[in-house]
């Protein structure tokens, strides 16, 4: 069975998980984050709107506007992924619990959970996502400075997308690594060993995440279910 078969079966299993009413409770945290980020985005837009008048400053206005536009474009990609990793970190305890609930439904067993584990999961997610985002910054810097000037912007953006998909996918599979008490060093070793499975999970997340309005609500929720199903049905690949 190849990696695409894993995810085809996971999509086929969505009906089973989504038919359980309690599963839908886990979309509430994503909706809350969506509302908070929506308010922050509107506030930021209001604060930055006066900068659109830079071009009207005599003599230097055009230069200031060009510099502002360049800064906005070059920082947009990094800010997008910084925001995404922040959202995943904040949602991690809830998505970890969702992942556990899917595992319980499949195996018909319970996993221990408590307030202490909630904060422990949040701390682990912070450490893992900090490492992942640091790796992303290094990769993007290398692509921007060394690869993109030679091969072009299209290739550079494609490589950045591949890197981000890999790291996002890893973040979702880490819910399972944490539940089965794998250490962080071990999870990175096993995760990158099975990089294709991790990568496809990240591609799915980014595809759903970019959907207007609903993406930020449903992407973490659905990707957690899908990656959990792939993990629990193919656990042998993580134990070799």
Protein backbone atom coordinates (compact mmCIF):
# COMPACT_ATOMS: atom_id res chain seq x y z
CA UNK A 1 0.00 0.00 0.00
CA UNK A 2 1.42 3.41 -0.96
CA UNK A 3 1.04 6.72 0.85
CA UNK A 4 -1.90 7.84 -1.31
CA UNK A 5 -3.82 4.69 -0.39
CA UNK A 6 -3.37 5.58 3.29
CA UNK A 7 -5.07 8.92 2.77
CA UNK A 8 -7.77 7.56 0.46
CA UNK A 9 -8.77 5.17 3.23
CA UNK A 10 -8.57 8.02 5.75
CA UNK A 11 -10.99 10.11 3.68
CA UNK A 12 -13.28 7.09 3.44
CA UNK A 13 -13.20 6.86 7.24
CA UNK A 14 -14.22 10.51 7.73
CA UNK A 15 -17.89 9.54 7.68
CA UNK A 16 -17.31 7.18 10.60
CA UNK A 17 -15.66 9.83 12.77
CA UNK A 18 -17.92 12.73 11.78
CA UNK A 19 -21.02 10.65 12.52
CA UNK A 20 -20.09 10.78 16.21
CA UNK A 21 -21.72 13.90 17.62
CA UNK A 22 -19.08 14.58 20.29
CA UNK A 23 -16.38 14.88 17.63
CA UNK A 24 -17.96 18.13 16.41
CA UNK A 25 -17.35 19.77 19.79
CA UNK A 26 -13.68 20.03 18.86
CA UNK A 27 -14.43 22.50 16.08
CA UNK A 28 -15.43 25.10 18.70
CA UNK A 29 -11.80 26.04 19.61
CA UNK A 30 -10.99 26.52 15.91
CA UNK A 31 -14.03 28.76 15.49
CA UNK A 32 -12.98 30.79 18.53
CA UNK A 33 -9.46 31.27 17.12
CA UNK A 34 -11.01 32.28 13.79
CA UNK A 35 -13.06 35.01 15.49
CA UNK A 36 -10.08 36.31 17.49
CA UNK A 37 -7.78 36.39 14.46
CA UNK A 38 -10.49 38.02 12.38
CA UNK A 39 -10.76 40.86 14.90
CA UNK A 40 -6.98 41.25 15.04
CA UNK A 41 -6.78 41.32 11.25
CA UNK A 42 -9.38 44.10 11.04
CA UNK A 43 -7.57 46.07 13.73
CA UNK A 44 -4.23 45.69 11.94
CA UNK A 45 -5.81 46.75 8.65
CA UNK A 46 -7.16 49.90 10.29
CA UNK A 47 -3.77 50.70 11.84
CA UNK A 48 -1.88 50.21 8.57
CA UNK A 49 -4.38 51.93 6.30
CA UNK A 50 -2.73 55.40 6.69
CA UNK A 51 0.47 53.96 5.19
CA UNK A 52 -1.34 53.87 1.86
CA UNK A 53 -0.92 57.65 1.77
CA UNK A 54 2.90 57.44 1.68
CA UNK A 55 2.93 58.01 -2.07
CA UNK A 56 1.54 61.52 -1.57
CA UNK A 57 4.55 62.72 0.42
CA UNK A 58 6.47 65.23 -1.74
CA UNK A 59 9.75 64.10 -3.38
CA UNK A 60 10.26 60.86 -1.41
CA UNK A 61 6.69 59.53 -1.41
CA UNK A 62 7.15 57.10 -4.30
CA UNK A 63 10.32 55.66 -2.77
CA UNK A 64 8.67 55.20 0.62
CA UNK A 65 5.65 53.54 -0.98
CA UNK A 66 7.88 51.20 -2.99
CA UNK A 67 9.85 50.25 0.12
CA UNK A 68 6.62 49.65 2.04
CA UNK A 69 5.21 47.48 -0.75
CA UNK A 70 8.47 45.51 -0.97
CA UNK A 71 8.49 44.95 2.81
CA UNK A 72 4.87 43.83 2.72
CA UNK A 73 5.47 41.32 -0.07
CA UNK A 74 8.70 39.84 1.33
CA UNK A 75 7.33 39.49 4.85
CA UNK A 76 3.93 38.15 3.81
CA UNK A 77 5.08 34.54 3.41
CA UNK A 78 6.90 34.41 6.74
CA UNK A 79 4.01 36.12 8.53
CA UNK A 80 1.56 33.65 7.01
CA UNK A 81 3.44 30.66 8.34
CA UNK A 82 4.20 32.33 11.67
CA UNK A 83 0.46 32.90 12.12
CA UNK A 84 -0.28 29.32 11.08
CA UNK A 85 2.22 27.82 13.51
CA UNK A 86 0.86 30.07 16.27
CA UNK A 87 -2.68 28.86 15.58
CA UNK A 88 -1.55 25.23 15.61
CA UNK A 89 0.28 25.75 18.91
CA UNK A 90 -2.77 27.35 20.55
CA UNK A 91 -5.07 24.62 19.26
CA UNK A 92 -2.67 21.76 20.00
CA UNK A 93 -4.16 20.64 23.36
CA UNK A 94 -7.64 20.52 21.80
CA UNK A 95 -6.49 18.82 18.60
CA UNK A 96 -4.45 16.40 20.72
CA UNK A 97 -7.64 15.51 22.58
CA UNK A 98 -9.49 15.17 19.26
CA UNK A 99 -6.77 12.84 18.02
CA UNK A 100 -7.11 10.77 21.20
CA UNK A 101 -10.89 10.64 20.78
CA UNK A 102 -10.52 9.33 17.21
CA UNK A 103 -8.10 6.70 18.47
CA UNK A 104 -10.56 5.71 21.20
CA UNK A 105 -13.39 5.36 18.67
CA UNK A 106 -11.26 3.16 16.43
CA UNK A 107 -9.71 0.95 19.12
CA UNK A 108 -12.58 1.22 21.62
CA UNK A 109 -10.29 2.10 24.51
CA UNK A 110 -9.63 5.19 26.62
CA UNK A 111 -6.55 7.38 27.02
CA UNK A 112 -5.63 9.22 30.19
CA UNK A 113 -6.23 12.97 30.08
CA UNK A 114 -6.10 15.71 32.70
CA UNK A 115 -5.46 19.43 33.19
CA UNK A 116 -1.80 18.63 33.83
CA UNK A 117 -1.55 16.77 30.54
CA UNK A 118 -3.36 19.65 28.81
CA UNK A 119 -0.59 22.09 29.75
CA UNK A 120 2.09 19.47 29.15
CA UNK A 121 0.74 19.02 25.61
CA UNK A 122 0.72 22.79 25.10
CA UNK A 123 4.35 23.05 26.25
CA UNK A 124 5.42 20.17 24.01
CA UNK A 125 3.57 21.71 21.06
CA UNK A 126 5.33 25.01 21.68
CA UNK A 127 8.74 23.31 21.66
CA UNK A 128 8.01 21.19 18.59
CA UNK A 129 6.46 24.06 16.61
CA UNK A 130 9.29 26.39 17.61
CA UNK A 131 11.78 23.88 16.22
CA UNK A 132 9.70 23.41 13.07
CA UNK A 133 9.28 27.15 12.48
CA UNK A 134 13.01 27.73 13.06
CA UNK A 135 13.72 25.06 10.46
CA UNK A 136 11.28 26.76 8.10
CA UNK A 137 13.03 30.12 8.51
CA UNK A 138 16.41 28.56 7.72
CA UNK A 139 15.04 26.77 4.65
CA UNK A 140 13.23 29.88 3.37
CA UNK A 141 16.35 31.99 3.86
CA UNK A 142 18.43 29.51 1.86
CA UNK A 143 15.79 29.38 -0.88
CA UNK A 144 15.48 33.19 -1.04
CA UNK A 145 19.21 33.92 -1.06
CA UNK A 146 20.69 31.00 -2.97
CA UNK A 147 18.07 29.16 -5.02
CA UNK A 148 15.46 31.71 -6.07
CA UNK A 149 17.93 34.18 -7.68
CA UNK A 150 19.23 31.38 -9.90
CA UNK A 151 16.15 29.25 -10.65
CA UNK A 152 13.46 31.93 -10.41
CA UNK A 153 10.57 32.90 -8.14
CA UNK A 154 8.27 30.08 -9.27
CA UNK A 155 10.77 27.39 -8.28
CA UNK A 156 11.48 29.22 -5.04
CA UNK A 157 7.81 29.39 -4.09
CA UNK A 158 7.36 25.74 -4.98
CA UNK A 159 10.23 24.70 -2.73
CA UNK A 160 8.90 26.89 0.09
CA UNK A 161 5.51 25.21 -0.27
CA UNK A 162 7.09 21.76 -0.07
CA UNK A 163 9.03 22.75 3.06
CA UNK A 164 5.99 24.24 4.77
CA UNK A 165 3.83 21.21 3.92
CA UNK A 166 6.43 18.93 5.45
CA UNK A 167 6.58 20.92 8.67
CA UNK A 168 2.82 21.43 8.99
CA UNK A 169 2.25 17.72 8.45
CA UNK A 170 4.79 16.91 11.13
CA UNK A 171 2.94 19.15 13.57
CA UNK A 172 -0.27 17.13 13.10
CA UNK A 173 1.38 13.74 13.39
CA UNK A 174 3.03 14.89 16.61
CA UNK A 175 -0.35 14.61 18.35
CA UNK A 176 -0.03 10.86 17.87
CA UNK A 177 3.65 10.79 18.81
CA UNK A 178 2.80 12.58 22.03
CA UNK A 179 -0.11 10.27 22.86
CA UNK A 180 2.15 7.23 22.54
CA UNK A 181 4.79 8.99 24.65
CA UNK A 182 7.52 9.26 22.04
CA UNK A 183 10.30 11.69 22.95
CA UNK A 184 10.83 14.73 20.76
CA UNK A 185 14.11 13.46 19.30
CA UNK A 186 12.51 10.11 18.52
CA UNK A 187 9.51 11.76 16.84
CA UNK A 188 11.74 13.79 14.54
CA UNK A 189 13.69 10.68 13.62
CA UNK A 190 10.57 8.60 12.89
CA UNK A 191 8.75 11.50 11.27
CA UNK A 192 11.43 12.38 8.74
CA UNK A 193 12.01 8.68 8.06
CA UNK A 194 8.40 8.53 6.86
CA UNK A 195 8.54 11.96 5.25
CA UNK A 196 6.12 11.24 2.40
CA UNK A 197 3.27 10.41 4.78
CA UNK A 198 4.04 13.57 6.76
CA UNK A 199 4.27 15.68 3.60
CA UNK A 200 0.87 14.65 2.19
CA UNK A 201 -0.74 15.48 5.54
CA UNK A 202 0.72 18.97 5.31
CA UNK A 203 -0.45 19.41 1.71
CA UNK A 204 -4.01 18.52 2.76
CA UNK A 205 -3.86 20.99 5.65
CA UNK A 206 -2.65 23.85 3.44
CA UNK A 207 -5.27 23.12 0.78
CA UNK A 208 -8.12 23.28 3.31
CA UNK A 209 -6.54 26.17 5.23
CA UNK A 210 -6.49 28.42 2.15
CA UNK A 211 -10.24 28.08 1.62
CA UNK A 212 -11.88 31.48 2.25
CA UNK A 213 -13.28 32.01 5.76
CA UNK A 214 -13.92 28.35 6.59
CA UNK A 215 -10.35 27.19 6.01
CA UNK A 216 -8.99 28.34 9.35
CA UNK A 217 -11.91 26.62 11.13
CA UNK A 218 -11.96 23.27 9.35
CA UNK A 219 -8.31 22.76 8.37
CA UNK A 220 -6.96 21.84 11.85
CA UNK A 221 -10.10 19.84 12.67
CA UNK A 222 -10.19 17.70 9.50
CA UNK A 223 -6.43 17.30 9.15
CA UNK A 224 -6.18 16.04 12.73
CA UNK A 225 -8.80 13.36 12.02
CA UNK A 226 -7.19 12.31 8.72
CA UNK A 227 -3.61 12.13 10.03
CA UNK A 228 -4.76 10.28 13.15
CA UNK A 229 -6.53 7.68 11.01
CA UNK A 230 -3.39 7.24 8.89
CA UNK A 231 -1.27 6.87 12.04
CA UNK A 232 -3.41 4.37 13.94
CA UNK A 233 -4.03 2.16 10.90
CA UNK A 234 -0.35 2.01 9.96
CA UNK A 235 1.43 2.07 13.32
CA UNK A 236 4.00 -0.44 12.18
CA UNK A 237 5.74 2.22 10.07
CA UNK A 238 6.45 4.26 13.22
CA UNK A 239 7.83 1.31 15.20
CA UNK A 240 10.48 0.04 12.79
